[in-house]
Each structure stands twice: as C-alpha cells, then as structure tokens.
Amino acid sequence: MPQSLQPEIHTIFEPNTSTWQYIIADPSTKDAAIVDSVLDFNIPTSTITTASADNILDVAKANEYKITYILETHAHADHLTASKYIQQTLARAGNPRPQICIGKRIEQVQRTFATKYHIDETEYVGVFDKLLEDGERLPLGKLEIEVLHLPGHTPDHVGYVIGSNVFTGDSLFLPDVGSARCDFPGGDATALFKSMTRLLALPADCRLYSGHDYPPNEGDGRKEPQAFATVAEQREKNKHVHDGVTLDEFVQWRTARDATLGEPRLLHQALQFNIRAGQLPSKSEHGHRFFHVPLKVPEEAWTWGIETQG
C-alpha cells in the first residue's frame, strides 16, 4: 500500500482494564473500523454497563464515520468485548450492520473454553461474522487492512496493518512494559518471540499500536498511558525483546515470569463472554444469565463437602 494513504486514528484508553481501543478511518470516505472495544463490567455487582462502548459510538458519530468492521485481535482474558453491543446499537439506529471479525483460529479457543465452562455450541458457533485468513486484506474505503497472524499470547492472535501502522493487540507492549504473558491455554513464549521479531522487522518508522498499557509509575518514568511506539523505539528500548535479546533468553525469562503471575481479575467472565463475540449468555428458566466461576477450595475441604451433601 502506498505510504501516502494513511488512516485517521482515534486512540481511546479504558482505564479500568488498561485497554487501548481504536477507531481507524479513511478520512476521505469516512469508512471506519473499531479495534478491541470494551464493555464495562462491575465484579462486586456482576453488572454490565456500556459507558465505554457508548463513548466509542459518540466519537464515531461526531466524525460521521461509517463503521464497516468491528475487529478483535484475540479472545481477551482481561475485559469483555463490546463488539455485539456496538453492532446491534448501530443497526438499531438504521446504520449498515458492521461485520465482527477475528482470526480463524478462534475456533480452537472457543472449543477449549466452551468445554471448560460448559457452554453449548449453539452459543458460540457462528457468532463471528467473518473469520480472517492469514494475510487476508479487507477494503476500508480507499485504504486496506492486512491481517497478520501473531501467535504467542494466544494461538488465535492477529494484528492489523493499515498504512504504516500496526494494531498489535497483546503481541507487543510499550518499550518499558515489554511483552504479554504466554501461560494461557495455547500460549507459547517461542511463538510470541517470533511474532515480536516479525513486527520489529517492519520499517523503522512504522507505528506499533498496543492493546494495553501499564505505565510503570516509578521514579521519573512516564505516568500517562501511551498508545504506540515506533519499530525503531521498540528495537532500541523494549525491555524484553530489544536488539540483541535471543530466543532462549526471552523464553527462559518469560516462562519464569509467567509462573509468578495471578489470574486476570476478569478472566472467567471475559473468556466466556468473548468466545461468544460479546453475545449475552442465554437466559435460564428463571430469566437469569450466568457466568461459570470456578470455586477454589482447600484440599482438606473436599471430604467435608462430600460428607455433608444432602
């Protein structure tokens, strides 16, 4: 794609989950795509609200954008996607129905977590409008979106190239944050290193937009979230994968680090929701909707639980 054709990019930070959400648009035609939207979830009350998603819609409306695609980089484990809500809200307002898109390997992830959480296949098969092939190209007005398979954090992970910008999801964070964990099912530190290396082989001035940012807030370091760094900045400063770091060094460090990490606080709710493309769980006979959340019990309590049943 000629480098003269560049999108308009709106960066929208959601602070509760430290997620970067993006609107990418062709400034001439107003065709636009949304990347990695967030639906708000309150854990103590188990309540879903839509302020973050409505903010995205407000930005799109203020700029008279026509949302063509709602893009997911992967099945997120730390926030609920607003994809289905945004799609339905736009359609109810009389707009063309945008396609919800994700990499084709989502089917592997769906099967894994549907089994874990006892989700019937009728609730997740076919919920995404388009499963993207590696290297597939999507028209966006006069622009084009190229799909990059970037496994490692998750097996289904993809990035999106638009002009001289790549929306990397959780494949690469800001230089002082480094890289994402690889200990979810299907995660692979070797694959992540190769994905990051692929990104760092792009032209030096290419902007790599991250899916999250966690400013260190240490000493004189930056305190505000930042959406992107250039390839040159990442190669020089990324603390996990700067020039000179070997595959073996990264894998050894990443594996040891991941062994110390706790679960994301929205892990179970997010995975169950996101493999459904943001579609609500079906109602029970009593009109309730449920997430399955594993119960963690000390080993010695198991006998007690069995003996007191009934």
Protein backbone atom coordinates (compact mmCIF):
# COMPACT_ATOMS: atom_id res chain seq x y z
CA MET A 1 0.00 0.00 0.00
CA PRO A 2 1.38 3.47 -0.84
CA GLN A 3 2.61 5.14 2.34
CA SER A 4 0.81 8.36 1.32
CA LEU A 5 -2.50 6.65 2.14
CA GLN A 6 -2.79 6.86 5.90
CA PRO A 7 -5.80 6.47 8.17
CA GLU A 8 -7.23 8.79 10.76
CA ILE A 9 -6.63 7.08 14.12
CA HIS A 10 -8.55 7.75 17.32
CA THR A 11 -6.96 6.28 20.45
CA ILE A 12 -9.37 5.72 23.35
CA PHE A 13 -7.99 4.41 26.65
CA GLU A 14 -10.22 2.43 29.02
CA PRO A 15 -8.55 2.81 32.45
CA ASN A 16 -10.30 0.06 34.44
CA THR A 17 -8.78 -2.66 32.25
CA SER A 18 -5.89 -0.56 30.87
CA THR A 19 -7.12 -1.31 27.35
CA TRP A 20 -6.43 0.73 24.24
CA GLN A 21 -9.43 0.90 21.92
CA TYR A 22 -9.08 2.27 18.42
CA ILE A 23 -11.17 3.77 15.66
CA ILE A 24 -9.36 3.72 12.32
CA ALA A 25 -10.91 5.59 9.41
CA ASP A 26 -10.36 6.57 5.80
CA PRO A 27 -10.54 10.37 6.13
CA SER A 28 -11.86 10.77 2.58
CA THR A 29 -14.67 8.20 2.55
CA LYS A 30 -15.37 8.06 6.33
CA ASP A 31 -15.34 4.26 6.27
CA ALA A 32 -14.04 3.08 9.64
CA ALA A 33 -13.14 0.09 11.78
CA ILE A 34 -13.15 -0.35 15.56
CA VAL A 35 -10.42 -2.44 17.20
CA ASP A 36 -10.71 -4.15 20.63
CA SER A 37 -13.71 -2.39 22.15
CA VAL A 38 -14.54 -2.69 25.87
CA LEU A 39 -17.81 -3.38 27.66
CA ASP A 40 -17.80 -2.30 31.30
CA PHE A 41 -18.21 -5.00 33.96
CA ASN A 42 -18.52 -4.43 37.71
CA ILE A 43 -17.33 -7.51 39.60
CA PRO A 44 -18.98 -6.89 43.01
CA THR A 45 -22.42 -6.43 41.43
CA SER A 46 -21.93 -8.61 38.32
CA THR A 47 -23.32 -5.72 36.29
CA ILE A 48 -22.63 -4.94 32.65
CA THR A 49 -22.81 -1.29 31.57
CA THR A 50 -21.98 0.44 28.29
CA ALA A 51 -20.34 3.81 29.03
CA SER A 52 -17.04 2.88 27.35
CA ALA A 53 -18.75 1.47 24.27
CA ASP A 54 -21.08 4.45 24.05
CA ASN A 55 -18.06 6.73 24.11
CA ILE A 56 -16.67 4.93 21.05
CA LEU A 57 -20.01 5.32 19.30
CA ASP A 58 -20.08 9.03 20.20
CA VAL A 59 -16.63 9.56 18.64
CA ALA A 60 -17.71 7.72 15.50
CA LYS A 61 -20.93 9.74 15.25
CA ALA A 62 -19.18 13.07 15.84
CA ASN A 63 -16.84 12.32 12.94
CA GLU A 64 -19.63 10.94 10.71
CA TYR A 65 -17.87 7.61 10.36
CA LYS A 66 -19.46 4.57 8.74
CA ILE A 67 -18.36 1.61 10.84
CA THR A 68 -17.64 -1.24 8.45
CA TYR A 69 -15.76 -3.65 10.70
CA ILE A 70 -15.54 -4.40 14.41
CA LEU A 71 -12.16 -6.10 14.75
CA GLU A 72 -10.87 -8.31 17.56
CA THR A 73 -7.17 -9.11 17.89
CA HIS A 74 -7.94 -12.20 20.02
CA ALA A 75 -10.25 -13.62 22.68
CA HIS A 76 -9.33 -11.28 25.52
CA ALA A 77 -8.96 -12.59 29.07
CA ASP A 78 -8.99 -9.24 30.84
CA HIS A 79 -12.03 -7.37 29.53
CA LEU A 80 -15.42 -8.03 27.96
CA THR A 81 -15.75 -7.11 24.31
CA ALA A 82 -18.38 -4.58 23.25
CA SER A 83 -18.50 -5.97 19.69
CA LYS A 84 -22.04 -7.31 19.71
CA TYR A 85 -23.41 -4.32 21.61
CA ILE A 86 -21.84 -1.86 19.15
CA GLN A 87 -23.04 -3.87 16.16
CA GLN A 88 -26.62 -4.04 17.42
CA THR A 89 -26.70 -0.40 18.51
CA LEU A 90 -25.57 0.77 15.07
CA ALA A 91 -28.08 -1.50 13.34
CA ARG A 92 -30.97 -0.30 15.54
CA ALA A 93 -30.08 3.27 14.61
CA GLY A 94 -30.51 2.43 10.92
CA ASN A 95 -26.83 2.11 10.03
CA PRO A 96 -25.43 -0.73 7.93
CA ARG A 97 -24.57 -3.71 10.13
CA PRO A 98 -20.77 -3.89 10.56
CA GLN A 99 -19.04 -7.27 10.50
CA ILE A 100 -17.48 -8.62 13.69
CA CYS A 101 -14.13 -10.13 12.62
CA ILE A 102 -11.43 -12.21 14.31
CA GLY A 103 -8.65 -14.58 13.25
CA LYS A 104 -9.74 -18.01 12.06
CA ARG A 105 -8.06 -19.85 14.95
CA ILE A 106 -10.71 -18.53 17.32
CA GLU A 107 -12.49 -21.83 16.72
CA GLN A 108 -9.73 -23.65 18.61
CA VAL A 109 -10.03 -21.20 21.51
CA GLN A 110 -13.82 -21.45 21.52
CA ARG A 111 -13.74 -25.23 21.80
CA THR A 112 -11.18 -25.10 24.61
CA PHE A 113 -13.14 -22.71 26.80
CA ALA A 114 -16.60 -23.94 25.88
CA THR A 115 -15.55 -27.30 27.31
CA LYS A 116 -14.07 -25.68 30.42
CA TYR A 117 -17.16 -23.57 31.13
CA HIS A 118 -19.84 -25.99 29.85
CA ILE A 119 -21.04 -23.66 27.08
CA ASP A 120 -23.28 -25.27 24.48
CA GLU A 121 -22.02 -24.94 20.90
CA THR A 122 -25.26 -23.19 19.91
CA GLU A 123 -23.98 -20.20 21.90
CA TYR A 124 -20.62 -19.82 20.19
CA VAL A 125 -20.60 -21.47 16.75
CA GLY A 126 -21.03 -18.86 14.01
CA VAL A 127 -21.19 -15.86 16.36
CA PHE A 128 -18.41 -14.03 14.49
CA ASP A 129 -19.41 -12.68 11.09
CA LYS A 130 -16.01 -13.26 9.49
CA LEU A 131 -13.09 -15.49 10.41
CA LEU A 132 -9.97 -13.96 8.92
CA GLU A 133 -7.30 -15.82 6.99
CA ASP A 134 -3.61 -15.09 7.49
CA GLY A 135 -2.62 -12.33 5.10
CA GLU A 136 -6.22 -11.54 4.18
CA ARG A 137 -6.89 -7.99 3.05
CA LEU A 138 -10.06 -6.06 3.87
CA PRO A 139 -11.05 -2.89 2.00
CA LEU A 140 -11.64 0.17 4.15
CA GLY A 141 -12.66 2.97 1.81
CA LYS A 142 -9.53 3.73 -0.21
CA LEU A 143 -7.40 2.04 2.46
CA GLU A 144 -6.73 -1.62 3.09
CA ILE A 145 -6.43 -3.68 6.26
CA GLU A 146 -3.96 -6.59 6.18
CA VAL A 147 -4.30 -9.43 8.70
CA LEU A 148 -1.12 -10.66 10.44
CA HIS A 149 -1.14 -13.88 12.46
CA LEU A 150 0.77 -13.07 15.67
CA PRO A 151 0.53 -16.12 17.95
CA GLY A 152 2.16 -16.48 21.34
CA HIS A 153 -0.02 -14.67 23.85
CA THR A 154 -2.89 -16.75 22.47
CA PRO A 155 -2.98 -19.06 19.43
CA ASP A 156 -5.71 -17.08 17.67
CA HIS A 157 -3.99 -13.71 17.99
CA VAL A 158 -3.83 -11.44 14.94
CA GLY A 159 -2.69 -7.89 14.26
CA TYR A 160 -3.99 -5.39 11.70
CA VAL A 161 -1.78 -3.40 9.32
CA ILE A 162 -3.26 -0.17 7.99
CA GLY A 163 -0.92 2.17 6.15
CA SER A 164 2.29 2.44 8.18
CA ASN A 165 0.51 1.43 11.39
CA VAL A 166 0.06 -1.98 13.03
CA PHE A 167 -2.53 -2.66 15.72
CA THR A 168 -0.67 -5.36 17.59
CA GLY A 169 -3.14 -6.28 20.35
CA ASP A 170 -1.21 -8.05 23.12
CA SER A 171 1.69 -9.15 20.92
CA LEU A 172 3.93 -6.27 21.96
CA PHE A 173 3.54 -3.66 24.68
CA LEU A 174 5.25 -0.29 25.10
CA PRO A 175 9.05 -0.48 25.50
CA ASP A 176 9.05 -0.01 29.28
CA VAL A 177 6.33 -2.67 29.71
CA GLY A 178 7.71 -5.25 27.29
CA SER A 179 5.62 -8.29 26.40
CA ALA A 180 2.44 -10.14 27.29
CA ARG A 181 2.13 -13.38 29.27
CA CYS A 182 2.08 -16.71 27.44
CA ASP A 183 0.62 -19.07 30.05
CA PHE A 184 -2.99 -19.21 28.83
CA PRO A 185 -4.09 -22.40 27.00
CA GLY A 186 -2.37 -22.41 23.61
CA GLY A 187 0.07 -19.69 24.65
CA ASP A 188 3.69 -20.15 23.60
CA ALA A 189 6.68 -17.99 24.52
CA THR A 190 8.67 -19.16 21.49
CA ALA A 191 5.81 -18.22 19.19
CA LEU A 192 5.47 -14.82 20.88
CA PHE A 193 9.17 -14.07 20.41
CA LYS A 194 8.83 -14.91 16.72
CA SER A 195 5.74 -12.70 16.42
CA MET A 196 7.52 -9.79 18.06
CA THR A 197 10.54 -10.35 15.83
CA ARG A 198 8.23 -10.21 12.82
CA LEU A 199 6.87 -6.86 13.99
CA LEU A 200 10.34 -5.49 14.68
CA ALA A 201 11.42 -6.34 11.14
CA LEU A 202 8.99 -3.75 9.77
CA PRO A 203 10.25 -0.30 8.65
CA ALA A 204 11.78 1.74 11.47
CA ASP A 205 9.13 4.49 11.34
CA CYS A 206 6.19 2.08 11.43
CA ARG A 207 3.95 2.75 14.45
CA LEU A 208 3.09 -0.28 16.59
CA TYR A 209 -0.16 0.38 18.49
CA SER A 210 -0.55 -1.70 21.64
CA GLY A 211 -3.65 -3.40 23.05
CA HIS A 212 -2.85 -2.29 26.61
CA ASP A 213 -0.55 0.00 28.51
CA TYR A 214 0.55 -0.22 32.12
CA PRO A 215 2.72 2.84 32.82
CA PRO A 216 5.35 1.89 35.39
CA ASN A 217 4.78 4.96 37.62
CA GLU A 218 8.26 4.56 39.03
CA GLY A 219 10.66 7.41 39.72
CA ASP A 220 10.79 9.84 36.84
CA GLY A 221 9.19 7.40 34.38
CA ARG A 222 6.08 8.27 32.41
CA LYS A 223 2.77 8.23 34.25
CA GLU A 224 0.31 8.57 31.36
CA PRO A 225 -0.69 5.70 29.06
CA GLN A 226 0.84 5.75 25.60
CA ALA A 227 -0.76 4.11 22.56
CA PHE A 228 2.21 3.39 20.31
CA ALA A 229 5.94 3.29 19.82
CA THR A 230 7.79 3.08 16.53
CA VAL A 231 9.66 -0.01 15.42
CA ALA A 232 12.93 1.88 15.95
CA GLU A 233 11.96 2.75 19.54
CA GLN A 234 10.93 -0.82 20.28
CA ARG A 235 14.14 -2.28 18.86
CA GLU A 236 16.23 0.07 20.95
CA LYS A 237 14.29 0.14 24.23
CA ASN A 238 11.82 -2.74 24.63
CA LYS A 239 12.94 -4.30 27.90
CA HIS A 240 12.08 -7.86 26.86
CA VAL A 241 12.88 -8.00 23.16
CA HIS A 242 15.27 -5.19 22.22
CA ASP A 243 18.01 -5.82 19.68
CA GLY A 244 20.41 -8.45 20.97
CA VAL A 245 17.95 -10.49 23.04
CA THR A 246 18.00 -14.13 21.96
CA LEU A 247 15.09 -16.53 21.69
CA ASP A 248 16.44 -18.71 24.52
CA GLU A 249 16.89 -15.71 26.83
CA PHE A 250 13.37 -14.48 26.20
CA VAL A 251 11.70 -17.88 26.59
CA GLN A 252 13.56 -18.61 29.83
CA TRP A 253 12.65 -15.22 31.30
CA ARG A 254 9.02 -15.21 30.07
CA THR A 255 8.38 -18.74 31.37
CA ALA A 256 9.78 -17.94 34.80
CA ARG A 257 7.86 -14.67 34.97
CA ASP A 258 4.55 -16.21 33.95
CA ALA A 259 4.85 -18.81 36.71
CA THR A 260 4.57 -15.98 39.26
CA LEU A 261 1.51 -14.24 37.80
CA GLY A 262 -2.01 -14.46 39.19
CA GLU A 263 -5.18 -14.72 37.13
CA PRO A 264 -6.55 -11.58 35.47
CA ARG A 265 -9.44 -10.43 37.66
CA LEU A 266 -11.97 -10.74 34.82
CA LEU A 267 -10.53 -13.97 33.41
CA HIS A 268 -13.56 -16.24 33.70
CA GLN A 269 -16.20 -13.66 32.80
CA ALA A 270 -14.17 -12.32 29.86
CA LEU A 271 -13.40 -15.66 28.25
CA GLN A 272 -17.00 -16.89 28.47
CA PHE A 273 -18.28 -13.63 27.02
CA ASN A 274 -15.65 -13.13 24.34
CA ILE A 275 -15.83 -16.57 22.73
CA ARG A 276 -19.47 -15.60 22.12
CA ALA A 277 -18.30 -12.42 20.30
CA GLY A 278 -19.91 -10.34 23.05
CA GLN A 279 -23.28 -12.05 22.84
CA LEU A 280 -25.06 -12.41 26.18
CA PRO A 281 -25.41 -15.90 27.68
CA SER A 282 -28.89 -17.29 27.16
CA LYS A 283 -31.43 -16.87 29.96
CA SER A 284 -32.22 -19.66 32.38
CA GLU A 285 -35.77 -20.81 33.02
CA HIS A 286 -35.89 -18.21 35.79
CA GLY A 287 -34.82 -15.38 33.48
CA HIS A 288 -31.23 -15.10 34.77
CA ARG A 289 -27.99 -15.11 32.78
CA PHE A 290 -24.95 -16.82 34.28
CA PHE A 291 -21.18 -16.98 34.10
CA HIS A 292 -19.45 -20.07 35.50
CA VAL A 293 -16.76 -19.06 38.01
CA PRO A 294 -14.58 -21.87 39.41
CA LEU A 295 -14.70 -22.40 43.17
CA LYS A 296 -11.28 -22.75 44.80
CA VAL A 297 -11.38 -24.86 47.95
CA PRO A 298 -8.55 -26.11 50.21
CA GLU A 299 -7.82 -29.78 49.54
CA GLU A 300 -8.90 -30.89 53.03
CA ALA A 301 -12.35 -29.38 52.50
CA TRP A 302 -13.28 -31.77 49.70
CA THR A 303 -14.09 -34.66 52.04
CA TRP A 304 -16.13 -32.31 54.21
CA GLY A 305 -18.13 -31.17 51.18
CA ILE A 306 -18.96 -34.71 50.08
CA GLU A 307 -19.93 -35.91 53.55
CA THR A 308 -22.37 -33.08 54.20
CA GLN A 309 -24.23 -33.30 50.89
CA GLY A 310 -27.95 -33.99 51.31
